[in-house]
C-alpha atoms as a PDB file:
ATOM      1  CA  UNK A   1       9.136  40.423   5.351  1.00  0.00           C
ATOM      2  CA  UNK A   2       6.515  39.394   2.605  1.00  0.00           C
ATOM      3  CA  UNK A   3       4.035  36.930   3.321  1.00  0.00           C
ATOM      4  CA  UNK A   4       5.166  33.646   1.759  1.00  0.00           C
ATOM      5  CA  UNK A   5       2.746  32.607  -1.323  1.00  0.00           C
ATOM      6  CA  UNK A   6       0.727  29.945  -1.158  1.00  0.00           C
ATOM      7  CA  UNK A   7      -1.973  28.285  -2.942  1.00  0.00           C
ATOM      8  CA  UNK A   8      -4.763  26.857  -1.120  1.00  0.00           C
ATOM      9  CA  UNK A   9      -6.453  23.840  -1.206  1.00  0.00           C
ATOM     10  CA  UNK A  10      -9.283  24.943  -3.826  1.00  0.00           C
ATOM     11  CA  UNK A  11      -6.843  27.142  -5.296  1.00  0.00           C
ATOM     12  CA  UNK A  12      -5.298  23.854  -6.379  1.00  0.00           C
ATOM     13  CA  UNK A  13      -8.622  22.177  -7.560  1.00  0.00           C
ATOM     14  CA  UNK A  14      -9.231  24.773 -10.023  1.00  0.00           C
ATOM     15  CA  UNK A  15      -6.120  25.149 -11.168  1.00  0.00           C
ATOM     16  CA  UNK A  16      -5.675  21.075 -11.885  1.00  0.00           C
ATOM     17  CA  UNK A  17      -9.153  21.607 -13.587  1.00  0.00           C
ATOM     18  CA  UNK A  18      -7.844  23.360 -16.285  1.00  0.00           C
ATOM     19  CA  UNK A  19      -4.172  22.375 -16.628  1.00  0.00           C
ATOM     20  CA  UNK A  20      -5.430  19.425 -19.442  1.00  0.00           C
ATOM     21  CA  UNK A  21      -1.190  18.316 -20.751  1.00  0.00           C
ATOM     22  CA  UNK A  22      -0.778  15.158 -19.558  1.00  0.00           C
ATOM     23  CA  UNK A  23       2.842  16.867 -19.508  1.00  0.00           C
ATOM     24  CA  UNK A  24       2.096  20.092 -17.371  1.00  0.00           C
ATOM     25  CA  UNK A  25       0.182  18.134 -14.868  1.00  0.00           C
ATOM     26  CA  UNK A  26       2.986  15.706 -14.125  1.00  0.00           C
ATOM     27  CA  UNK A  27       5.253  18.842 -13.782  1.00  0.00           C
ATOM     28  CA  UNK A  28       2.957  20.404 -11.005  1.00  0.00           C
ATOM     29  CA  UNK A  29       1.925  17.989  -9.622  1.00  0.00           C
ATOM     30  CA  UNK A  30       5.773  17.636  -8.908  1.00  0.00           C
ATOM     31  CA  UNK A  31       6.356  21.165  -7.762  1.00  0.00           C
ATOM     32  CA  UNK A  32       2.945  20.662  -5.867  1.00  0.00           C
ATOM     33  CA  UNK A  33       4.423  17.106  -4.208  1.00  0.00           C
ATOM     34  CA  UNK A  34       8.082  16.967  -3.550  1.00  0.00           C
ATOM     35  CA  UNK A  35       7.804  20.865  -2.871  1.00  0.00           C
ATOM     36  CA  UNK A  36       9.985  20.906  -5.930  1.00  0.00           C
ATOM     37  CA  UNK A  37      11.960  24.123  -7.649  1.00  0.00           C
ATOM     38  CA  UNK A  38      11.734  24.786 -10.889  1.00  0.00           C
ATOM     39  CA  UNK A  39      15.693  23.846 -11.603  1.00  0.00           C
ATOM     40  CA  UNK A  40      14.687  20.926  -9.586  1.00  0.00           C
ATOM     41  CA  UNK A  41      11.776  19.810 -11.979  1.00  0.00           C
ATOM     42  CA  UNK A  42      14.380  20.898 -14.819  1.00  0.00           C
ATOM     43  CA  UNK A  43      16.853  18.596 -13.963  1.00  0.00           C
ATOM     44  CA  UNK A  44      14.989  15.486 -13.120  1.00  0.00           C
ATOM     45  CA  UNK A  45      16.465  12.823 -15.441  1.00  0.00           C
ATOM     46  CA  UNK A  46      14.929   9.490 -16.275  1.00  0.00           C
ATOM     47  CA  UNK A  47      17.922   8.160 -14.445  1.00  0.00           C
ATOM     48  CA  UNK A  48      16.320   9.522 -11.217  1.00  0.00           C
ATOM     49  CA  UNK A  49      13.389   7.129 -11.787  1.00  0.00           C
ATOM     50  CA  UNK A  50      12.836   4.208 -10.152  1.00  0.00           C
ATOM     51  CA  UNK A  51      12.355   1.508 -12.859  1.00  0.00           C
ATOM     52  CA  UNK A  52       8.369   0.536 -12.000  1.00  0.00           C
ATOM     53  CA  UNK A  53       8.072   4.344 -11.254  1.00  0.00           C
ATOM     54  CA  UNK A  54       7.375   3.458  -7.409  1.00  0.00           C
ATOM     55  CA  UNK A  55      10.675   6.306  -6.574  1.00  0.00           C
ATOM     56  CA  UNK A  56      12.206   9.140  -7.535  1.00  0.00           C
ATOM     57  CA  UNK A  57      15.622  10.346  -6.987  1.00  0.00           C
ATOM     58  CA  UNK A  58      15.160  14.471  -5.898  1.00  0.00           C
ATOM     59  CA  UNK A  59      18.053  16.608  -6.496  1.00  0.00           C
ATOM     60  CA  UNK A  60      18.166  19.423  -4.637  1.00  0.00           C
ATOM     61  CA  UNK A  61      19.202  23.098  -5.497  1.00  0.00           C
ATOM     62  CA  UNK A  62      20.899  25.786  -3.509  1.00  0.00           C
ATOM     63  CA  UNK A  63      22.479  23.660  -1.205  1.00  0.00           C
ATOM     64  CA  UNK A  64      19.891  21.432  -0.995  1.00  0.00           C
ATOM     65  CA  UNK A  65      19.835  17.879   0.620  1.00  0.00           C
ATOM     66  CA  UNK A  66      18.682  15.899  -2.076  1.00  0.00           C
ATOM     67  CA  UNK A  67      16.838  12.668  -1.533  1.00  0.00           C
ATOM     68  CA  UNK A  68      14.303   9.867  -2.753  1.00  0.00           C
ATOM     69  CA  UNK A  69      10.691  10.079  -1.945  1.00  0.00           C
ATOM     70  CA  UNK A  70       8.166   7.795  -2.812  1.00  0.00           C
ATOM     71  CA  UNK A  71       6.227   8.359  -6.137  1.00  0.00           C
ATOM     72  CA  UNK A  72       2.008   8.360  -5.388  1.00  0.00           C
ATOM     73  CA  UNK A  73      -0.471   6.421  -7.392  1.00  0.00           C
ATOM     74  CA  UNK A  74      -1.857   8.924  -9.118  1.00  0.00           C
ATOM     75  CA  UNK A  75       1.382  10.441  -9.891  1.00  0.00           C
ATOM     76  CA  UNK A  76       2.594   7.022 -11.002  1.00  0.00           C
ATOM     77  CA  UNK A  77      -0.359   6.747 -13.230  1.00  0.00           C
ATOM     78  CA  UNK A  78       0.189  10.358 -14.826  1.00  0.00           C
ATOM     79  CA  UNK A  79       3.812   9.692 -15.357  1.00  0.00           C
ATOM     80  CA  UNK A  80       3.951   6.776 -16.930  1.00  0.00           C
ATOM     81  CA  UNK A  81       1.244   7.816 -19.730  1.00  0.00           C
ATOM     82  CA  UNK A  82       3.662  11.044 -20.051  1.00  0.00           C
ATOM     83  CA  UNK A  83       7.039   8.314 -20.935  1.00  0.00           C
ATOM     84  CA  UNK A  84       4.803   7.643 -23.383  1.00  0.00           C
ATOM     85  CA  UNK A  85       3.828  10.897 -24.928  1.00  0.00           C
ATOM     86  CA  UNK A  86       7.416  11.830 -24.574  1.00  0.00           C
ATOM     87  CA  UNK A  87       8.576   9.145 -26.696  1.00  0.00           C
ATOM     88  CA  UNK A  88       6.955  10.760 -29.497  1.00  0.00           C
ATOM     89  CA  UNK A  89       8.273  14.078 -28.897  1.00  0.00           C
ATOM     90  CA  UNK A  90      11.129  14.784 -31.823  1.00  0.00           C
ATOM     91  CA  UNK A  91      13.781  15.317 -28.912  1.00  0.00           C
ATOM     92  CA  UNK A  92      13.631  12.163 -27.241  1.00  0.00           C
ATOM     93  CA  UNK A  93      15.919  10.302 -28.591  1.00  0.00           C
ATOM     94  CA  UNK A  94      19.186  10.786 -26.346  1.00  0.00           C
ATOM     95  CA  UNK A  95      17.704  13.070 -24.140  1.00  0.00           C
ATOM     96  CA  UNK A  96      18.553  12.598 -20.233  1.00  0.00           C
ATOM     97  CA  UNK A  97      15.575  14.635 -19.057  1.00  0.00           C
ATOM     98  CA  UNK A  98      12.132  13.888 -17.960  1.00  0.00           C
ATOM     99  CA  UNK A  99      10.324  16.993 -19.242  1.00  0.00           C
ATOM    100  CA  UNK A 100      11.254  18.008 -22.300  1.00  0.00           C
ATOM    101  CA  UNK A 101       9.255  19.870 -25.034  1.00  0.00           C
ATOM    102  CA  UNK A 102       9.173  19.361 -29.015  1.00  0.00           C
ATOM    103  CA  UNK A 103      12.048  21.480 -29.077  1.00  0.00           C
ATOM    104  CA  UNK A 104      14.463  20.356 -26.544  1.00  0.00           C
ATOM    105  CA  UNK A 105      17.283  19.325 -28.430  1.00  0.00           C
ATOM    106  CA  UNK A 106      19.061  16.943 -26.018  1.00  0.00           C
ATOM    107  CA  UNK A 107      18.171  19.111 -22.900  1.00  0.00           C
ATOM    108  CA  UNK A 108      15.697  19.620 -19.996  1.00  0.00           C
ATOM    109  CA  UNK A 109      12.502  21.681 -20.518  1.00  0.00           C
ATOM    110  CA  UNK A 110      13.834  25.757 -19.156  1.00  0.00           C
ATOM    111  CA  UNK A 111      12.518  26.997 -16.053  1.00  0.00           C
ATOM    112  CA  UNK A 112      10.961  29.612 -18.550  1.00  0.00           C
ATOM    113  CA  UNK A 113       8.873  27.267 -20.039  1.00  0.00           C
ATOM    114  CA  UNK A 114       7.222  26.412 -16.805  1.00  0.00           C
ATOM    115  CA  UNK A 115       7.065  30.101 -15.996  1.00  0.00           C
ATOM    116  CA  UNK A 116       4.910  30.633 -18.856  1.00  0.00           C
ATOM    117  CA  UNK A 117       2.805  27.499 -18.449  1.00  0.00           C
ATOM    118  CA  UNK A 118       1.901  28.593 -15.086  1.00  0.00           C
ATOM    119  CA  UNK A 119       1.240  32.167 -15.794  1.00  0.00           C
ATOM    120  CA  UNK A 120      -1.071  30.682 -18.392  1.00  0.00           C
ATOM    121  CA  UNK A 121      -3.066  28.324 -16.159  1.00  0.00           C
ATOM    122  CA  UNK A 122      -3.204  31.388 -13.032  1.00  0.00           C
ATOM    123  CA  UNK A 123      -5.981  33.438 -14.377  1.00  0.00           C
ATOM    124  CA  UNK A 124      -8.047  30.292 -16.537  1.00  0.00           C
ATOM    125  CA  UNK A 125      -8.253  28.854 -12.769  1.00  0.00           C
ATOM    126  CA  UNK A 126      -9.017  32.462 -11.107  1.00  0.00           C
ATOM    127  CA  UNK A 127      -5.416  32.983  -8.990  1.00  0.00           C
ATOM    128  CA  UNK A 128      -4.817  36.281  -8.178  1.00  0.00           C
ATOM    129  CA  UNK A 129      -1.498  37.014 -10.774  1.00  0.00           C
ATOM    130  CA  UNK A 130       0.672  37.813  -6.919  1.00  0.00           C
ATOM    131  CA  UNK A 131       0.910  34.193  -6.854  1.00  0.00           C
ATOM    132  CA  UNK A 132       1.544  33.169 -10.966  1.00  0.00           C
ATOM    133  CA  UNK A 133       5.007  31.859  -9.800  1.00  0.00           C
ATOM    134  CA  UNK A 134       5.305  28.778 -10.022  1.00  0.00           C
ATOM    135  CA  UNK A 135       7.655  28.424  -6.274  1.00  0.00           C
ATOM    136  CA  UNK A 136       4.283  28.705  -4.484  1.00  0.00           C
ATOM    137  CA  UNK A 137       4.028  25.233  -5.451  1.00  0.00           C
ATOM    138  CA  UNK A 138       7.049  24.729  -3.097  1.00  0.00           C
ATOM    139  CA  UNK A 139       5.288  26.972  -0.633  1.00  0.00           C
ATOM    140  CA  UNK A 140       1.853  25.200  -1.003  1.00  0.00           C
ATOM    141  CA  UNK A 141       3.391  22.010  -0.327  1.00  0.00           C
ATOM    142  CA  UNK A 142       5.132  23.355   3.258  1.00  0.00           C
ATOM    143  CA  UNK A 143       1.899  25.133   3.842  1.00  0.00           C
ATOM    144  CA  UNK A 144      -0.203  21.440   3.138  1.00  0.00           C
ATOM    145  CA  UNK A 145       2.147  19.611   5.053  1.00  0.00           C
ATOM    146  CA  UNK A 146       1.834  22.288   8.148  1.00  0.00           C
ATOM    147  CA  UNK A 147      -2.036  21.559   8.284  1.00  0.00           C
ATOM    148  CA  UNK A 148      -1.664  17.937   8.061  1.00  0.00           C
ATOM    149  CA  UNK A 149       0.491  18.053  11.424  1.00  0.00           C
ATOM    150  CA  UNK A 150       4.304  17.521  10.074  1.00  0.00           C
ATOM    151  CA  UNK A 151       6.111  19.444  12.188  1.00  0.00           C
ATOM    152  CA  UNK A 152       8.855  21.829  11.194  1.00  0.00           C
ATOM    153  CA  UNK A 153      11.454  19.026  11.457  1.00  0.00           C
ATOM    154  CA  UNK A 154       9.551  17.599   8.557  1.00  0.00           C
ATOM    155  CA  UNK A 155       9.078  19.445   6.642  1.00  0.00           C
ATOM    156  CA  UNK A 156      12.660  20.988   6.697  1.00  0.00           C
ATOM    157  CA  UNK A 157      13.910  17.641   5.820  1.00  0.00           C
ATOM    158  CA  UNK A 158      10.954  17.114   3.010  1.00  0.00           C
ATOM    159  CA  UNK A 159      12.191  19.981   1.122  1.00  0.00           C
ATOM    160  CA  UNK A 160      16.165  19.602   1.622  1.00  0.00           C
ATOM    161  CA  UNK A 161      17.048  22.691   3.158  1.00  0.00           C
ATOM    162  CA  UNK A 162      20.270  22.271   5.283  1.00  0.00           C
ATOM    163  CA  UNK A 163      18.558  24.809   7.873  1.00  0.00           C
ATOM    164  CA  UNK A 164      15.841  25.204  10.154  1.00  0.00           C
ATOM    165  CA  UNK A 165      16.018  28.966   9.480  1.00  0.00           C
ATOM    166  CA  UNK A 166      14.884  28.323   5.933  1.00  0.00           C
ATOM    167  CA  UNK A 167      11.565  26.269   6.761  1.00  0.00           C
ATOM    168  CA  UNK A 168      10.779  28.779   9.547  1.00  0.00           C
ATOM    169  CA  UNK A 169       9.449  31.236   7.112  1.00  0.00           C
ATOM    170  CA  UNK A 170       6.519  28.728   7.313  1.00  0.00           C
ATOM    171  CA  UNK A 171       4.709  29.595  10.588  1.00  0.00           C
ATOM    172  CA  UNK A 172       4.884  33.057  10.513  1.00  0.00           C
ATOM    173  CA  UNK A 173       1.802  31.974   8.028  1.00  0.00           C
ATOM    174  CA  UNK A 174       0.132  29.437  10.814  1.00  0.00           C
ATOM    175  CA  UNK A 175      -2.085  30.738  13.015  1.00  0.00           C
ATOM    176  CA  UNK A 176      -0.738  32.029  15.569  1.00  0.00           C
ATOM    177  CA  UNK A 177      -1.255  29.776  18.785  1.00  0.00           C
ATOM    178  CA  UNK A 178      -0.260  27.251  16.546  1.00  0.00           C
ATOM    179  CA  UNK A 179       3.136  29.402  15.767  1.00  0.00           C
ATOM    180  CA  UNK A 180       3.442  29.890  19.035  1.00  0.00           C
ATOM    181  CA  UNK A 181       3.501  26.242  20.599  1.00  0.00           C
ATOM    182  CA  UNK A 182       5.564  25.369  16.962  1.00  0.00           C
ATOM    183  CA  UNK A 183       8.357  28.408  18.028  1.00  0.00           C
ATOM    184  CA  UNK A 184       8.564  26.752  21.781  1.00  0.00           C
ATOM    185  CA  UNK A 185       9.270  23.464  20.608  1.00  0.00           C
ATOM    186  CA  UNK A 186      11.860  24.678  17.928  1.00  0.00           C
ATOM    187  CA  UNK A 187      13.327  26.964  20.566  1.00  0.00           C
ATOM    188  CA  UNK A 188      13.744  25.165  23.755  1.00  0.00           C
ATOM    189  CA  UNK A 189      12.994  21.407  22.214  1.00  0.00           C
ATOM    190  CA  UNK A 190       9.452  21.060  24.723  1.00  0.00           C
ATOM    191  CA  UNK A 191       6.150  22.441  25.253  1.00  0.00           C
ATOM    192  CA  UNK A 192       5.771  24.495  27.772  1.00  0.00           C
END
């Protein structure tokens, strides 16, 4: 099995250090903070946002469980800035999607546009080309949650996984003794 690729906290800082576009900063912040797949980011609609920008409903794909997340203060500020900028986009009128381009024509920004942006920023941030795919943000979210002490059951729920098996892959990355402890909890329901 191929090892899961993710960004370290240092790489995350480096990445955001080179992204100047408000829209792109928000996209990658959402990918990371909410463990989004690219298609999930593309499918967020303006109607998925709470009017005071305190919550966002994430439409999960691949049979995942959609849920509502609190929006952090920094993300809310960035979101507010983006919504003001977005109004001036020629494609904004009548477009229900949060992330658009100037030429979106009543549809969302494409996954390919996000992939290209990510691939463009990675070398500028000194990030290895093996991590130049936006799905690393979803993996980085899971690893950050594990490092913060969240268990695999929390990660399953947070990422919208239906199966615990989908979340267990992240334990393979953690130090062996930590992964062993987590597996014992998962398999037996308690630690010996």
